[in-house]
Amino acid sequence: MTQTVAVLGTGKIGEALLSGMIRAGWHPANLLVTARRPERAAELHTRYGVETVTNAEAAKRADTLILAVKPQDMGKLLDELAPHVTSDRLVVSAAAGIPSSFIEARLASGTPVVRVMPNTPVLVDEGMSVISAGSHATLDHLAHTEEIFGGVGKTLRVPESQQDAATALSGSGPAYFYYLVEAMTDAGILLGLPRAQAYDLIVQSAIGAAVMLRDSGEHPVKLREAVMSPAGTTISAIRELENHGVRAALIAALEAARDRSRELASGNS
C-alpha cells in the first residue's frame, strides 16, 4: 500500500472507495482526490485528510488512477489526462458502459486499463464489483484493483465480454430488489398492515434471506422449498407468481438491461 492512488471524480461511489481504502489500511498520504467544486475538495480534505489536486496533477503523481466520473464525462477527462499519463500507470475505470478499448485508444500506447462495474451497495461496504482486464492489464493489475475495491465489498473477475451481463445482474441489481420491496410493501398495506410495519417485515426478511443464501451454500430452490409446506400459504403465493409470468418477466428485464448496456458501450445514447 505504498503506491499512490488517485480517485478522479469523487462523488458518492468515489468517496465510498476512498473511505473503504482508508479503513483497509491505506494511509491518506498515499491517496489523492479530485473534485469539480472547490467546496467539495475542501470537504474531502477535512473529512479524510487526503490531498486534493487537479486531474493533471493526479495523472503526473499517482501510480494508479481510478476514473469514477459519469460515462458522459469520460471523453473530456481522458483528453485532460492524456498528455500526462505514461504507460507505466494503471488506469481503473468505474464508469458504466465504457469499454477498456475506448480508454486505451486515448492514452499512451500500452497503458494498462482495468474496467470495473461496482454497484451502489459499495456505499455500505456490501458492494459487488465486477472486474475485467483490458488489453494490457496483467494479473498483478487485477489483484491491485481487487485490493482497492475489496475494501467496499466483494469482487469478481470476468472477461470484458461478460461486463454487459454483469451490469444487468449486479450493476442494476439493487434497483430490482428495491422495486420488489416497494411492491411487497404496497401488498402489505392492501392486506391491512401499516406501511412502517409492512416495510420492516419485508426488509428484515430480505436481509435474512440474503444472509442464508450467502452463508448456507444451499441452492435457492432448496431454501425456497424449506419454506413451503404442502397446500400451504407459500406454495399458493408461488403459484400466483408463476401464473403471472414473474420468472419470464425477470429474464426479459435483465435481457433489456444487458442490451441497453451494449448500446451505451457502442456510443448510442
C-alpha atoms as a PDB file:
ATOM      1  CA  MET A   1       0.000   0.000   0.000  1.00  0.00           C
ATOM      2  CA  THR A   2       2.926   2.322  -0.633  1.00  0.00           C
ATOM      3  CA  GLN A   3       1.740   3.214  -4.112  1.00  0.00           C
ATOM      4  CA  THR A   4      -0.072   6.480  -4.698  1.00  0.00           C
ATOM      5  CA  VAL A   5      -3.669   6.124  -5.795  1.00  0.00           C
ATOM      6  CA  ALA A   6      -5.779   8.965  -7.141  1.00  0.00           C
ATOM      7  CA  VAL A   7      -9.576   8.952  -7.236  1.00  0.00           C
ATOM      8  CA  LEU A   8     -10.749  11.235 -10.020  1.00  0.00           C
ATOM      9  CA  GLY A   9     -14.320  12.399  -9.695  1.00  0.00           C
ATOM     10  CA  THR A  10     -15.054  11.841  -6.022  1.00  0.00           C
ATOM     11  CA  GLY A  11     -18.819  11.611  -5.984  1.00  0.00           C
ATOM     12  CA  LYS A  12     -20.715   9.043  -3.918  1.00  0.00           C
ATOM     13  CA  ILE A  13     -19.013   5.999  -5.435  1.00  0.00           C
ATOM     14  CA  GLY A  14     -15.591   7.653  -5.458  1.00  0.00           C
ATOM     15  CA  GLU A  15     -15.926   8.716  -1.834  1.00  0.00           C
ATOM     16  CA  ALA A  16     -17.060   5.222  -0.846  1.00  0.00           C
ATOM     17  CA  LEU A  17     -13.901   3.804  -2.423  1.00  0.00           C
ATOM     18  CA  LEU A  18     -11.777   6.413  -0.698  1.00  0.00           C
ATOM     19  CA  SER A  19     -13.218   5.725   2.750  1.00  0.00           C
ATOM     20  CA  GLY A  20     -13.024   1.975   2.190  1.00  0.00           C
ATOM     21  CA  MET A  21      -9.347   2.176   1.258  1.00  0.00           C
ATOM     22  CA  ILE A  22      -8.560   4.163   4.397  1.00  0.00           C
ATOM     23  CA  ARG A  23     -10.397   1.650   6.584  1.00  0.00           C
ATOM     24  CA  ALA A  24      -8.476  -1.135   4.839  1.00  0.00           C
ATOM     25  CA  GLY A  25      -5.170   0.434   5.855  1.00  0.00           C
ATOM     26  CA  TRP A  26      -4.234   2.862   3.110  1.00  0.00           C
ATOM     27  CA  HIS A  27      -2.556   5.969   4.520  1.00  0.00           C
ATOM     28  CA  PRO A  28      -4.140   9.274   3.467  1.00  0.00           C
ATOM     29  CA  ALA A  29      -0.679  10.469   2.428  1.00  0.00           C
ATOM     30  CA  ASN A  30      -0.773   7.877  -0.379  1.00  0.00           C
ATOM     31  CA  LEU A  31      -4.177   8.990  -1.648  1.00  0.00           C
ATOM     32  CA  LEU A  32      -5.073  11.877  -3.937  1.00  0.00           C
ATOM     33  CA  VAL A  33      -8.551  13.045  -4.914  1.00  0.00           C
ATOM     34  CA  THR A  34     -10.010  15.405  -7.457  1.00  0.00           C
ATOM     35  CA  ALA A  35     -13.356  17.150  -7.321  1.00  0.00           C
ATOM     36  CA  ARG A  36     -15.109  19.538  -9.668  1.00  0.00           C
ATOM     37  CA  ARG A  37     -16.132  22.042  -6.988  1.00  0.00           C
ATOM     38  CA  PRO A  38     -13.641  23.673  -4.578  1.00  0.00           C
ATOM     39  CA  GLU A  39     -16.024  23.289  -1.642  1.00  0.00           C
ATOM     40  CA  ARG A  40     -16.295  19.563  -2.330  1.00  0.00           C
ATOM     41  CA  ALA A  41     -12.498  19.282  -2.427  1.00  0.00           C
ATOM     42  CA  ALA A  42     -12.252  21.089   0.904  1.00  0.00           C
ATOM     43  CA  GLU A  43     -14.875  18.768   2.410  1.00  0.00           C
ATOM     44  CA  LEU A  44     -12.933  15.658   1.344  1.00  0.00           C
ATOM     45  CA  HIS A  45      -9.680  17.063   2.694  1.00  0.00           C
ATOM     46  CA  THR A  46     -11.269  17.836   6.048  1.00  0.00           C
ATOM     47  CA  ARG A  47     -13.078  14.505   6.309  1.00  0.00           C
ATOM     48  CA  TYR A  48     -10.266  12.165   5.238  1.00  0.00           C
ATOM     49  CA  GLY A  49      -7.031  14.138   5.456  1.00  0.00           C
ATOM     50  CA  VAL A  50      -6.236  13.475   1.785  1.00  0.00           C
ATOM     51  CA  GLU A  51      -4.649  15.902  -0.625  1.00  0.00           C
ATOM     52  CA  THR A  52      -6.928  17.358  -3.281  1.00  0.00           C
ATOM     53  CA  VAL A  53      -5.338  18.077  -6.661  1.00  0.00           C
ATOM     54  CA  THR A  54      -6.209  18.808 -10.269  1.00  0.00           C
ATOM     55  CA  ASN A  55      -6.763  15.984 -12.727  1.00  0.00           C
ATOM     56  CA  ALA A  56      -3.494  16.792 -14.463  1.00  0.00           C
ATOM     57  CA  GLU A  57      -1.562  16.763 -11.175  1.00  0.00           C
ATOM     58  CA  ALA A  58      -3.126  13.433 -10.235  1.00  0.00           C
ATOM     59  CA  ALA A  59      -2.055  11.966 -13.577  1.00  0.00           C
ATOM     60  CA  LYS A  60       1.518  13.129 -13.030  1.00  0.00           C
ATOM     61  CA  ARG A  61       1.867  11.856  -9.462  1.00  0.00           C
ATOM     62  CA  ALA A  62      -0.304   8.766  -8.988  1.00  0.00           C
ATOM     63  CA  ASP A  63       0.684   5.188  -9.806  1.00  0.00           C
ATOM     64  CA  THR A  64      -2.980   4.204 -10.113  1.00  0.00           C
ATOM     65  CA  LEU A  65      -5.766   6.407 -11.433  1.00  0.00           C
ATOM     66  CA  ILE A  66      -9.352   5.480 -10.591  1.00  0.00           C
ATOM     67  CA  LEU A  67     -11.725   7.184 -13.018  1.00  0.00           C
ATOM     68  CA  ALA A  68     -15.002   7.486 -11.100  1.00  0.00           C
ATOM     69  CA  VAL A  69     -16.712  10.041 -13.321  1.00  0.00           C
ATOM     70  CA  LYS A  70     -20.030   9.744 -15.130  1.00  0.00           C
ATOM     71  CA  PRO A  71     -19.827   7.996 -18.519  1.00  0.00           C
ATOM     72  CA  GLN A  72     -20.706  11.169 -20.402  1.00  0.00           C
ATOM     73  CA  ASP A  73     -17.742  12.951 -18.790  1.00  0.00           C
ATOM     74  CA  MET A  74     -15.161  10.278 -19.632  1.00  0.00           C
ATOM     75  CA  GLY A  75     -14.088  11.635 -23.029  1.00  0.00           C
ATOM     76  CA  LYS A  76     -13.352  15.095 -21.674  1.00  0.00           C
ATOM     77  CA  LEU A  77     -11.460  13.667 -18.697  1.00  0.00           C
ATOM     78  CA  LEU A  78      -9.284  11.456 -20.901  1.00  0.00           C
ATOM     79  CA  ASP A  79      -8.430  14.434 -23.119  1.00  0.00           C
ATOM     80  CA  GLU A  80      -7.246  16.210 -19.977  1.00  0.00           C
ATOM     81  CA  LEU A  81      -5.249  13.244 -18.719  1.00  0.00           C
ATOM     82  CA  ALA A  82      -3.681  12.031 -21.967  1.00  0.00           C
ATOM     83  CA  PRO A  83      -0.662  14.406 -22.049  1.00  0.00           C
ATOM     84  CA  HIS A  84       0.345  13.329 -18.537  1.00  0.00           C
ATOM     85  CA  VAL A  85      -0.411   9.585 -18.309  1.00  0.00           C
ATOM     86  CA  THR A  86       2.547   7.358 -19.154  1.00  0.00           C
ATOM     87  CA  SER A  87       2.249   3.672 -19.971  1.00  0.00           C
ATOM     88  CA  ASP A  88       3.567   2.610 -16.541  1.00  0.00           C
ATOM     89  CA  ARG A  89       0.404   3.906 -14.874  1.00  0.00           C
ATOM     90  CA  LEU A  90      -2.596   1.713 -14.087  1.00  0.00           C
ATOM     91  CA  VAL A  91      -5.923   3.223 -15.112  1.00  0.00           C
ATOM     92  CA  VAL A  92      -9.049   1.803 -13.475  1.00  0.00           C
ATOM     93  CA  SER A  93     -12.402   2.830 -14.904  1.00  0.00           C
ATOM     94  CA  ALA A  94     -15.544   2.649 -12.769  1.00  0.00           C
ATOM     95  CA  ALA A  95     -17.729   4.317 -15.411  1.00  0.00           C
ATOM     96  CA  ALA A  96     -20.671   2.225 -16.581  1.00  0.00           C
ATOM     97  CA  GLY A  97     -20.723   1.157 -20.210  1.00  0.00           C
ATOM     98  CA  ILE A  98     -17.271   2.468 -21.156  1.00  0.00           C
ATOM     99  CA  PRO A  99     -15.162  -0.324 -22.723  1.00  0.00           C
ATOM    100  CA  SER A 100     -11.468  -0.500 -21.921  1.00  0.00           C
ATOM    101  CA  SER A 101     -10.659  -0.046 -25.618  1.00  0.00           C
ATOM    102  CA  PHE A 102     -12.218   3.431 -25.513  1.00  0.00           C
ATOM    103  CA  ILE A 103      -9.778   4.429 -22.765  1.00  0.00           C
ATOM    104  CA  GLU A 104      -6.760   2.641 -24.240  1.00  0.00           C
ATOM    105  CA  ALA A 105      -7.213   4.428 -27.566  1.00  0.00           C
ATOM    106  CA  ARG A 106      -6.954   7.836 -25.873  1.00  0.00           C
ATOM    107  CA  LEU A 107      -3.916   7.197 -23.690  1.00  0.00           C
ATOM    108  CA  ALA A 108      -0.287   6.269 -24.298  1.00  0.00           C
ATOM    109  CA  SER A 109       0.198   3.003 -26.175  1.00  0.00           C
ATOM    110  CA  GLY A 110       0.410   0.037 -23.828  1.00  0.00           C
ATOM    111  CA  THR A 111      -1.277   1.736 -20.857  1.00  0.00           C
ATOM    112  CA  PRO A 112      -2.912  -0.966 -18.692  1.00  0.00           C
ATOM    113  CA  VAL A 113      -6.629  -0.433 -18.154  1.00  0.00           C
ATOM    114  CA  VAL A 114      -8.931  -2.360 -15.821  1.00  0.00           C
ATOM    115  CA  ARG A 115     -12.684  -1.950 -16.155  1.00  0.00           C
ATOM    116  CA  VAL A 116     -14.835  -2.224 -13.027  1.00  0.00           C
ATOM    117  CA  MET A 117     -18.607  -2.233 -12.621  1.00  0.00           C
ATOM    118  CA  PRO A 118     -19.421  -1.545  -8.947  1.00  0.00           C
ATOM    119  CA  ASN A 119     -22.947  -1.211  -7.617  1.00  0.00           C
ATOM    120  CA  THR A 120     -24.371   1.231  -5.106  1.00  0.00           C
ATOM    121  CA  PRO A 121     -24.083  -1.021  -2.005  1.00  0.00           C
ATOM    122  CA  VAL A 122     -20.383  -0.075  -2.001  1.00  0.00           C
ATOM    123  CA  LEU A 123     -21.743   2.863  -0.009  1.00  0.00           C
ATOM    124  CA  VAL A 124     -22.353   0.452   2.892  1.00  0.00           C
ATOM    125  CA  ASP A 125     -19.350  -1.827   2.241  1.00  0.00           C
ATOM    126  CA  GLU A 126     -21.563  -4.522   0.724  1.00  0.00           C
ATOM    127  CA  GLY A 127     -20.885  -3.817  -2.925  1.00  0.00           C
ATOM    128  CA  MET A 128     -20.376  -6.200  -5.818  1.00  0.00           C
ATOM    129  CA  SER A 129     -17.594  -5.013  -8.128  1.00  0.00           C
ATOM    130  CA  VAL A 130     -17.079  -6.894 -11.384  1.00  0.00           C
ATOM    131  CA  ILE A 131     -13.517  -6.568 -12.708  1.00  0.00           C
ATOM    132  CA  SER A 132     -12.187  -7.105 -16.239  1.00  0.00           C
ATOM    133  CA  ALA A 133      -8.725  -6.717 -17.719  1.00  0.00           C
ATOM    134  CA  GLY A 134      -8.095  -4.549 -20.757  1.00  0.00           C
ATOM    135  CA  SER A 135      -5.620  -5.471 -23.476  1.00  0.00           C
ATOM    136  CA  HIS A 136      -2.511  -4.579 -21.484  1.00  0.00           C
ATOM    137  CA  ALA A 137      -3.565  -5.330 -17.889  1.00  0.00           C
ATOM    138  CA  THR A 138      -1.769  -8.142 -16.072  1.00  0.00           C
ATOM    139  CA  LEU A 139      -2.760 -10.424 -13.211  1.00  0.00           C
ATOM    140  CA  ASP A 140      -0.905  -8.063 -10.862  1.00  0.00           C
ATOM    141  CA  HIS A 141      -3.028  -5.171 -12.104  1.00  0.00           C
ATOM    142  CA  LEU A 142      -6.186  -7.179 -11.465  1.00  0.00           C
ATOM    143  CA  ALA A 143      -5.004  -8.130  -7.973  1.00  0.00           C
ATOM    144  CA  HIS A 144      -4.222  -4.492  -7.191  1.00  0.00           C
ATOM    145  CA  THR A 145      -7.693  -3.454  -8.357  1.00  0.00           C
ATOM    146  CA  GLU A 146      -9.256  -6.180  -6.200  1.00  0.00           C
ATOM    147  CA  GLU A 147      -7.302  -4.871  -3.228  1.00  0.00           C
ATOM    148  CA  ILE A 148      -8.856  -1.447  -3.734  1.00  0.00           C
ATOM    149  CA  PHE A 149     -12.446  -2.497  -4.388  1.00  0.00           C
ATOM    150  CA  GLY A 150     -12.330  -5.326  -1.838  1.00  0.00           C
ATOM    151  CA  GLY A 151     -12.500  -2.673   0.879  1.00  0.00           C
ATOM    152  CA  VAL A 152     -16.130  -1.923  -0.032  1.00  0.00           C
ATOM    153  CA  GLY A 153     -17.493  -5.390  -0.708  1.00  0.00           C
ATOM    154  CA  LYS A 154     -16.895  -8.430  -2.872  1.00  0.00           C
ATOM    155  CA  THR A 155     -15.104  -8.576  -6.228  1.00  0.00           C
ATOM    156  CA  LEU A 156     -15.438 -10.938  -9.168  1.00  0.00           C
ATOM    157  CA  ARG A 157     -13.234 -11.259 -12.250  1.00  0.00           C
ATOM    158  CA  VAL A 158     -14.962 -11.806 -15.588  1.00  0.00           C
ATOM    159  CA  PRO A 159     -13.909 -11.434 -19.230  1.00  0.00           C
ATOM    160  CA  GLU A 160     -14.845  -7.997 -20.501  1.00  0.00           C
ATOM    161  CA  SER A 161     -17.258  -9.637 -22.945  1.00  0.00           C
ATOM    162  CA  GLN A 162     -19.392 -10.509 -19.904  1.00  0.00           C
ATOM    163  CA  GLN A 163     -19.477  -6.997 -18.444  1.00  0.00           C
ATOM    164  CA  ASP A 164     -22.820  -6.118 -20.033  1.00  0.00           C
ATOM    165  CA  ALA A 165     -24.420  -9.213 -18.492  1.00  0.00           C
ATOM    166  CA  ALA A 166     -22.817  -8.398 -15.129  1.00  0.00           C
ATOM    167  CA  THR A 167     -24.150  -4.854 -15.369  1.00  0.00           C
ATOM    168  CA  ALA A 168     -27.664  -6.223 -15.892  1.00  0.00           C
ATOM    169  CA  LEU A 169     -27.368  -8.545 -12.896  1.00  0.00           C
ATOM    170  CA  SER A 170     -25.366  -6.683 -10.261  1.00  0.00           C
ATOM    171  CA  GLY A 171     -24.872  -3.140 -11.523  1.00  0.00           C
ATOM    172  CA  SER A 172     -28.612  -2.607 -11.911  1.00  0.00           C
ATOM    173  CA  GLY A 173     -29.489  -5.417  -9.498  1.00  0.00           C
ATOM    174  CA  PRO A 174     -30.162  -3.362  -6.360  1.00  0.00           C
ATOM    175  CA  ALA A 175     -32.910  -1.460  -8.185  1.00  0.00           C
ATOM    176  CA  TYR A 176     -34.793  -4.698  -8.867  1.00  0.00           C
ATOM    177  CA  PHE A 177     -34.815  -5.528  -5.152  1.00  0.00           C
ATOM    178  CA  TYR A 178     -35.955  -2.014  -4.231  1.00  0.00           C
ATOM    179  CA  TYR A 179     -38.751  -2.388  -6.775  1.00  0.00           C
ATOM    180  CA  LEU A 180     -39.770  -5.720  -5.236  1.00  0.00           C
ATOM    181  CA  VAL A 181     -39.731  -4.269  -1.705  1.00  0.00           C
ATOM    182  CA  GLU A 182     -41.881  -1.370  -2.894  1.00  0.00           C
ATOM    183  CA  ALA A 183     -44.427  -3.755  -4.434  1.00  0.00           C
ATOM    184  CA  MET A 184     -44.465  -6.028  -1.372  1.00  0.00           C
ATOM    185  CA  THR A 185     -44.940  -3.018   0.910  1.00  0.00           C
ATOM    186  CA  ASP A 186     -47.971  -1.957  -1.119  1.00  0.00           C
ATOM    187  CA  ALA A 187     -49.281  -5.511  -0.824  1.00  0.00           C
ATOM    188  CA  GLY A 188     -48.808  -5.405   2.936  1.00  0.00           C
ATOM    189  CA  ILE A 189     -50.866  -2.214   3.112  1.00  0.00           C
ATOM    190  CA  LEU A 190     -53.572  -3.841   0.987  1.00  0.00           C
ATOM    191  CA  LEU A 191     -53.602  -6.756   3.425  1.00  0.00           C
ATOM    192  CA  GLY A 192     -54.215  -4.395   6.330  1.00  0.00           C
ATOM    193  CA  LEU A 193     -50.753  -3.654   7.765  1.00  0.00           C
ATOM    194  CA  PRO A 194     -49.467  -0.132   8.462  1.00  0.00           C
ATOM    195  CA  ARG A 195     -46.806   0.914   5.952  1.00  0.00           C
ATOM    196  CA  ALA A 196     -43.995   1.078   8.534  1.00  0.00           C
ATOM    197  CA  GLN A 197     -44.721  -2.416   9.842  1.00  0.00           C
ATOM    198  CA  ALA A 198     -45.005  -3.889   6.346  1.00  0.00           C
ATOM    199  CA  TYR A 199     -41.703  -2.273   5.395  1.00  0.00           C
ATOM    200  CA  ASP A 200     -39.898  -3.589   8.491  1.00  0.00           C
ATOM    201  CA  LEU A 201     -41.210  -7.114   7.930  1.00  0.00           C
ATOM    202  CA  ILE A 202     -40.073  -7.143   4.301  1.00  0.00           C
ATOM    203  CA  VAL A 203     -36.656  -5.558   4.805  1.00  0.00           C
ATOM    204  CA  GLN A 204     -35.683  -7.896   7.624  1.00  0.00           C
ATOM    205  CA  SER A 205     -36.951 -10.866   5.645  1.00  0.00           C
ATOM    206  CA  ALA A 206     -34.816  -9.757   2.697  1.00  0.00           C
ATOM    207  CA  ILE A 207     -31.716  -9.356   4.885  1.00  0.00           C
ATOM    208  CA  GLY A 208     -32.225 -12.752   6.491  1.00  0.00           C
ATOM    209  CA  ALA A 209     -32.834 -14.466   3.150  1.00  0.00           C
ATOM    210  CA  ALA A 210     -29.713 -12.853   1.631  1.00  0.00           C
ATOM    211  CA  VAL A 211     -27.527 -13.963   4.554  1.00  0.00           C
ATOM    212  CA  MET A 212     -28.874 -17.506   4.282  1.00  0.00           C
ATOM    213  CA  LEU A 213     -28.129 -17.551   0.547  1.00  0.00           C
ATOM    214  CA  ARG A 214     -24.620 -16.279   1.139  1.00  0.00           C
ATOM    215  CA  ASP A 215     -23.680 -18.374   4.165  1.00  0.00           C
ATOM    216  CA  SER A 216     -25.553 -21.665   3.829  1.00  0.00           C
ATOM    217  CA  GLY A 217     -24.158 -22.759   0.474  1.00  0.00           C
ATOM    218  CA  GLU A 218     -27.584 -24.166  -0.360  1.00  0.00           C
ATOM    219  CA  HIS A 219     -29.228 -23.777  -3.769  1.00  0.00           C
ATOM    220  CA  PRO A 220     -32.028 -21.183  -3.721  1.00  0.00           C
ATOM    221  CA  VAL A 221     -34.532 -23.849  -4.806  1.00  0.00           C
ATOM    222  CA  LYS A 222     -33.717 -25.911  -1.714  1.00  0.00           C
ATOM    223  CA  LEU A 223     -34.033 -22.865   0.554  1.00  0.00           C
ATOM    224  CA  ARG A 224     -37.346 -21.948  -1.045  1.00  0.00           C
ATOM    225  CA  GLU A 225     -38.678 -25.488  -0.681  1.00  0.00           C
ATOM    226  CA  ALA A 226     -37.779 -25.403   3.023  1.00  0.00           C
ATOM    227  CA  VAL A 227     -40.288 -22.556   3.443  1.00  0.00           C
ATOM    228  CA  MET A 228     -43.097 -24.289   1.557  1.00  0.00           C
ATOM    229  CA  SER A 229     -45.417 -26.827   3.138  1.00  0.00           C
ATOM    230  CA  PRO A 230     -47.992 -28.913   1.252  1.00  0.00           C
ATOM    231  CA  ALA A 231     -51.111 -26.901   0.409  1.00  0.00           C
ATOM    232  CA  GLY A 232     -49.704 -24.027   2.464  1.00  0.00           C
ATOM    233  CA  THR A 233     -49.524 -20.257   2.117  1.00  0.00           C
ATOM    234  CA  THR A 234     -46.145 -20.066   0.391  1.00  0.00           C
ATOM    235  CA  ILE A 235     -46.882 -22.513  -2.412  1.00  0.00           C
ATOM    236  CA  SER A 236     -50.143 -20.671  -3.074  1.00  0.00           C
ATOM    237  CA  ALA A 237     -48.197 -17.437  -3.481  1.00  0.00           C
ATOM    238  CA  ILE A 238     -45.558 -19.069  -5.689  1.00  0.00           C
ATOM    239  CA  ARG A 239     -48.307 -20.461  -7.934  1.00  0.00           C
ATOM    240  CA  GLU A 240     -49.640 -16.945  -8.482  1.00  0.00           C
ATOM    241  CA  LEU A 241     -46.162 -15.630  -9.306  1.00  0.00           C
ATOM    242  CA  GLU A 242     -45.755 -18.388 -11.894  1.00  0.00           C
ATOM    243  CA  ASN A 243     -49.260 -17.798 -13.284  1.00  0.00           C
ATOM    244  CA  HIS A 244     -48.414 -14.123 -13.813  1.00  0.00           C
ATOM    245  CA  GLY A 245     -45.137 -14.898 -15.559  1.00  0.00           C
ATOM    246  CA  VAL A 246     -42.880 -13.221 -12.990  1.00  0.00           C
ATOM    247  CA  ARG A 247     -39.932 -15.500 -13.822  1.00  0.00           C
ATOM    248  CA  ALA A 248     -40.232 -14.770 -17.556  1.00  0.00           C
ATOM    249  CA  ALA A 249     -40.621 -11.044 -16.859  1.00  0.00           C
ATOM    250  CA  LEU A 250     -37.408 -11.020 -14.815  1.00  0.00           C
ATOM    251  CA  ILE A 251     -35.481 -12.771 -17.586  1.00  0.00           C
ATOM    252  CA  ALA A 252     -36.828 -10.306 -20.159  1.00  0.00           C
ATOM    253  CA  ALA A 253     -35.970  -7.353 -17.895  1.00  0.00           C
ATOM    254  CA  LEU A 254     -32.367  -8.459 -17.465  1.00  0.00           C
ATOM    255  CA  GLU A 255     -32.016  -9.056 -21.196  1.00  0.00           C
ATOM    256  CA  ALA A 256     -33.246  -5.492 -21.762  1.00  0.00           C
ATOM    257  CA  ALA A 257     -30.710  -4.145 -19.266  1.00  0.00           C
ATOM    258  CA  ARG A 258     -27.898  -6.104 -20.955  1.00  0.00           C
ATOM    259  CA  ASP A 259     -28.923  -4.843 -24.399  1.00  0.00           C
ATOM    260  CA  ARG A 260     -29.043  -1.245 -23.173  1.00  0.00           C
ATOM    261  CA  SER A 261     -25.566  -1.642 -21.673  1.00  0.00           C
ATOM    262  CA  ARG A 262     -24.334  -2.795 -25.067  1.00  0.00           C
ATOM    263  CA  GLU A 263     -25.922   0.234 -26.728  1.00  0.00           C
ATOM    264  CA  LEU A 264     -24.252   2.595 -24.269  1.00  0.00           C
ATOM    265  CA  ALA A 265     -20.886   0.891 -24.769  1.00  0.00           C
ATOM    266  CA  SER A 266     -21.196   1.373 -28.530  1.00  0.00           C
ATOM    267  CA  GLY A 267     -21.902   5.074 -28.084  1.00  0.00           C
ATOM    268  CA  ASN A 268     -25.646   5.013 -28.737  1.00  0.00           C
ATOM    269  CA  SER A 269     -27.415   7.373 -26.335  1.00  0.00           C
END
